[in-house]
C-alpha cells in the first residue's frame, strides 16, 4: 500500500509550456513554463493560501518545479523533488502531435504504459507528510492517480488546475478546487 493513499491530498498540474500551447507531446523534454504558464502558476499559487497544505512534492522537470516554486513562495514551504513523478517518457514521439498518441502502446524509445504506471506509483510511495500534501506534476501523473483511486475515464486536468483527492473510509472522490486555464 502507498502511504500517501491513506490521506487526502492535493494535486496541481504544472503551468503551460510552449508544447502545451502547441498541443504537442512534451513527455520528459525539460521545457520551462512559457510566459502564460508563469502567470498561471502565480495566479493558482495565490489561491492555495485558502487550503491547509503542509508539504509540497514535485517532479523535477522545469515546468513542474517552477509551478511548485510559485506555490512554495506563497505557502512558505520547502519543495521535495521525486524523479519518479516525471511525465511518461514518450521517446521518439516527443515533439509530435498529442492527438496521435496511442497511450496503450509502447512508443519507440519510450516507456510502456505499465512501466510508467509502476514508476509513478513508486514515486507516489516516496511522498510523506506532514499531511495534507500538494503534489505538483503532470497530466500523466494525474492519469495514474485517477486510475489507482477511482478508475473510469480519465479527466485530464488543465494547466495549474488544483484537485483535492478526498479519502472517506475506503472511497475516494476528487473535486477541482482551482480551475486551470
Protein backbone atom coordinates (compact mmCIF):
# COMPACT_ATOMS: atom_id res chain seq x y z
CA UNK A 1 0.00 0.00 0.00
CA UNK A 2 1.16 3.51 -0.79
CA UNK A 3 1.21 5.58 2.44
CA UNK A 4 0.03 8.70 0.55
CA UNK A 5 -3.21 6.88 -0.24
CA UNK A 6 -4.08 6.78 3.46
CA UNK A 7 -4.64 10.56 3.46
CA UNK A 8 -6.48 13.16 1.46
CA UNK A 9 -4.12 15.21 -0.72
CA UNK A 10 -3.92 17.95 -3.36
CA UNK A 11 -2.69 17.62 -6.93
CA UNK A 12 -1.68 20.50 -9.20
CA UNK A 13 -0.72 20.17 -12.84
CA UNK A 14 2.17 22.37 -13.95
CA UNK A 15 1.69 25.64 -15.82
CA UNK A 16 1.68 25.96 -19.58
CA UNK A 17 4.72 25.37 -21.75
CA UNK A 18 5.24 26.07 -25.43
CA UNK A 19 4.50 22.38 -26.09
CA UNK A 20 1.17 22.67 -24.26
CA UNK A 21 0.26 25.78 -26.25
CA UNK A 22 1.01 23.94 -29.50
CA UNK A 23 -0.68 20.70 -28.29
CA UNK A 24 2.40 18.59 -28.90
CA UNK A 25 3.90 15.80 -26.80
CA UNK A 26 6.33 17.10 -24.19
CA UNK A 27 6.96 13.92 -22.17
CA UNK A 28 10.32 14.16 -20.44
CA UNK A 29 11.56 17.09 -22.52
CA UNK A 30 12.62 19.55 -19.84
CA UNK A 31 10.80 22.61 -21.11
CA UNK A 32 10.30 25.69 -18.93
CA UNK A 33 7.00 27.43 -18.41
CA UNK A 34 6.14 29.98 -21.08
CA UNK A 35 5.02 33.50 -20.14
CA UNK A 36 1.39 32.41 -19.74
CA UNK A 37 2.49 29.37 -17.71
CA UNK A 38 4.36 31.59 -15.25
CA UNK A 39 1.28 33.81 -14.89
CA UNK A 40 -0.94 30.73 -14.39
CA UNK A 41 1.37 29.40 -11.68
CA UNK A 42 1.34 32.74 -9.87
CA UNK A 43 -2.47 33.04 -10.02
CA UNK A 44 -3.14 29.49 -8.84
CA UNK A 45 -0.48 29.67 -6.14
CA UNK A 46 -2.08 32.78 -4.65
CA UNK A 47 -5.33 30.84 -4.24
CA UNK A 48 -3.60 27.97 -2.41
CA UNK A 49 -3.49 30.11 0.75
CA UNK A 50 -7.10 29.03 1.33
CA UNK A 51 -6.09 25.37 1.84
CA UNK A 52 -4.21 23.63 4.68
CA UNK A 53 -1.26 22.38 2.63
CA UNK A 54 1.57 21.18 4.85
CA UNK A 55 4.16 19.89 2.33
CA UNK A 56 4.97 20.20 -1.38
CA UNK A 57 6.32 17.37 -3.54
CA UNK A 58 7.04 17.71 -7.24
CA UNK A 59 8.50 16.30 -10.40
CA UNK A 60 11.99 17.69 -11.07
CA UNK A 61 11.14 18.75 -14.64
CA UNK A 62 11.43 22.54 -15.02
CA UNK A 63 7.73 23.10 -15.70
CA UNK A 64 6.65 21.29 -12.54
CA UNK A 65 9.46 22.71 -10.41
CA UNK A 66 8.67 26.32 -11.42
CA UNK A 67 4.98 25.78 -10.67
CA UNK A 68 5.86 24.26 -7.29
CA UNK A 69 8.17 27.20 -6.55
CA UNK A 70 5.27 29.63 -7.03
CA UNK A 71 3.22 27.60 -4.54
CA UNK A 72 6.12 27.29 -2.09
CA UNK A 73 6.66 31.05 -2.09
CA UNK A 74 3.03 31.68 -1.12
CA UNK A 75 2.79 28.84 1.40
CA UNK A 76 6.29 29.33 2.84
CA UNK A 77 7.12 25.64 2.39
CA UNK A 78 10.11 23.74 1.07
CA UNK A 79 9.84 21.62 -2.06
CA UNK A 80 10.83 17.98 -2.23
CA UNK A 81 11.54 16.54 -5.66
CA UNK A 82 10.74 12.98 -6.67
CA UNK A 83 12.29 11.94 -10.02
CA UNK A 84 9.80 9.09 -10.37
CA UNK A 85 6.99 11.68 -10.68
CA UNK A 86 8.31 12.87 -14.05
CA UNK A 87 5.97 12.64 -17.03
CA UNK A 88 5.92 9.49 -19.14
CA UNK A 89 8.90 9.04 -21.45
CA UNK A 90 7.38 9.16 -24.93
CA UNK A 91 10.72 8.53 -26.64
CA UNK A 92 10.63 9.39 -30.34
CA UNK A 93 7.08 10.74 -30.01
CA UNK A 94 8.24 13.80 -28.05
CA UNK A 95 7.54 16.85 -30.18
CA UNK A 96 4.77 15.20 -32.22
CA UNK A 97 1.05 15.99 -32.28
CA UNK A 98 -0.54 14.90 -28.98
CA UNK A 99 -3.68 13.73 -30.78
CA UNK A 100 -1.62 10.98 -32.46
CA UNK A 101 -0.61 9.29 -29.18
CA UNK A 102 -1.62 5.71 -28.53
CA UNK A 103 -1.41 5.58 -24.72
CA UNK A 104 -1.82 1.80 -24.73
CA UNK A 105 1.28 1.22 -26.86
CA UNK A 106 4.98 1.44 -26.05
CA UNK A 107 6.44 4.27 -28.14
CA UNK A 108 9.80 3.78 -29.88
CA UNK A 109 12.48 4.56 -27.30
CA UNK A 110 9.88 5.30 -24.61
CA UNK A 111 8.12 3.75 -21.62
CA UNK A 112 5.37 1.18 -21.77
CA UNK A 113 2.13 2.10 -20.02
CA UNK A 114 2.86 -0.46 -17.29
CA UNK A 115 6.45 0.75 -16.77
CA UNK A 116 5.19 4.33 -16.44
CA UNK A 117 2.47 3.28 -14.00
CA UNK A 118 4.96 1.29 -11.91
CA UNK A 119 7.46 4.17 -11.81
CA UNK A 120 4.79 6.72 -10.93
CA UNK A 121 3.40 4.58 -8.12
CA UNK A 122 6.95 4.11 -6.81
CA UNK A 123 7.30 7.92 -6.81
CA UNK A 124 3.98 8.40 -5.04
CA UNK A 125 5.20 5.86 -2.49
CA UNK A 126 8.04 8.26 -1.61
CA UNK A 127 5.66 11.12 -0.75
CA UNK A 128 5.44 11.61 3.01
CA UNK A 129 3.76 14.06 5.35
CA UNK A 130 3.13 16.20 7.06
CA UNK A 131 -0.32 15.97 5.54
CA UNK A 132 -2.10 17.15 3.57
CA UNK A 133 0.48 17.33 0.81
CA UNK A 134 0.43 19.07 -2.54
CA UNK A 135 1.86 17.13 -5.47
CA UNK A 136 2.88 19.25 -8.46
CA UNK A 137 3.37 17.14 -11.55
CA UNK A 138 1.94 16.23 -14.94
CA UNK A 139 -1.21 15.07 -16.70
CA UNK A 140 0.28 11.57 -16.93
CA UNK A 141 0.83 11.52 -13.16
CA UNK A 142 -2.78 12.55 -12.71
CA UNK A 143 -3.87 9.75 -15.04
CA UNK A 144 -2.08 7.16 -12.87
CA UNK A 145 -3.54 8.62 -9.65
CA UNK A 146 -7.07 8.60 -11.05
CA UNK A 147 -6.64 5.06 -12.36
CA UNK A 148 -5.50 3.81 -8.98
CA UNK A 149 -8.05 5.63 -6.85
CA UNK A 150 -11.24 5.74 -8.90
CA UNK A 151 -10.71 4.23 -12.34
CA UNK A 152 -13.07 5.28 -15.10
CA UNK A 153 -12.46 7.62 -17.99
CA UNK A 154 -9.56 9.98 -17.49
CA UNK A 155 -10.40 13.61 -16.82
CA UNK A 156 -7.25 15.48 -17.90
CA UNK A 157 -6.52 18.49 -15.69
CA UNK A 158 -5.84 21.82 -17.32
CA UNK A 159 -2.58 23.65 -16.65
CA UNK A 160 -2.36 24.76 -12.99
CA UNK A 161 -5.66 23.11 -12.13
CA UNK A 162 -5.71 22.07 -8.48
CA UNK A 163 -7.64 19.00 -7.43
CA UNK A 164 -8.39 17.73 -3.97
CA UNK A 165 -8.37 13.96 -3.57
CA UNK A 166 -10.53 13.13 -0.57
CA UNK A 167 -10.47 9.80 1.21
CA UNK A 168 -13.67 8.90 3.01
CA UNK A 169 -13.31 5.45 4.59
CA UNK A 170 -12.48 3.23 1.58
CA UNK A 171 -13.85 5.54 -1.09
CA UNK A 172 -12.03 8.30 -2.97
CA UNK A 173 -13.57 11.39 -4.52
CA UNK A 174 -11.90 14.17 -6.40
CA UNK A 175 -13.01 17.74 -6.82
CA UNK A 176 -11.47 20.65 -8.61
CA UNK A 177 -10.63 23.48 -6.21
CA UNK A 178 -8.85 25.84 -8.57
CA UNK A 179 -9.76 25.62 -12.24
CA UNK A 180 -6.88 25.62 -14.63
CA UNK A 181 -6.57 27.62 -17.78
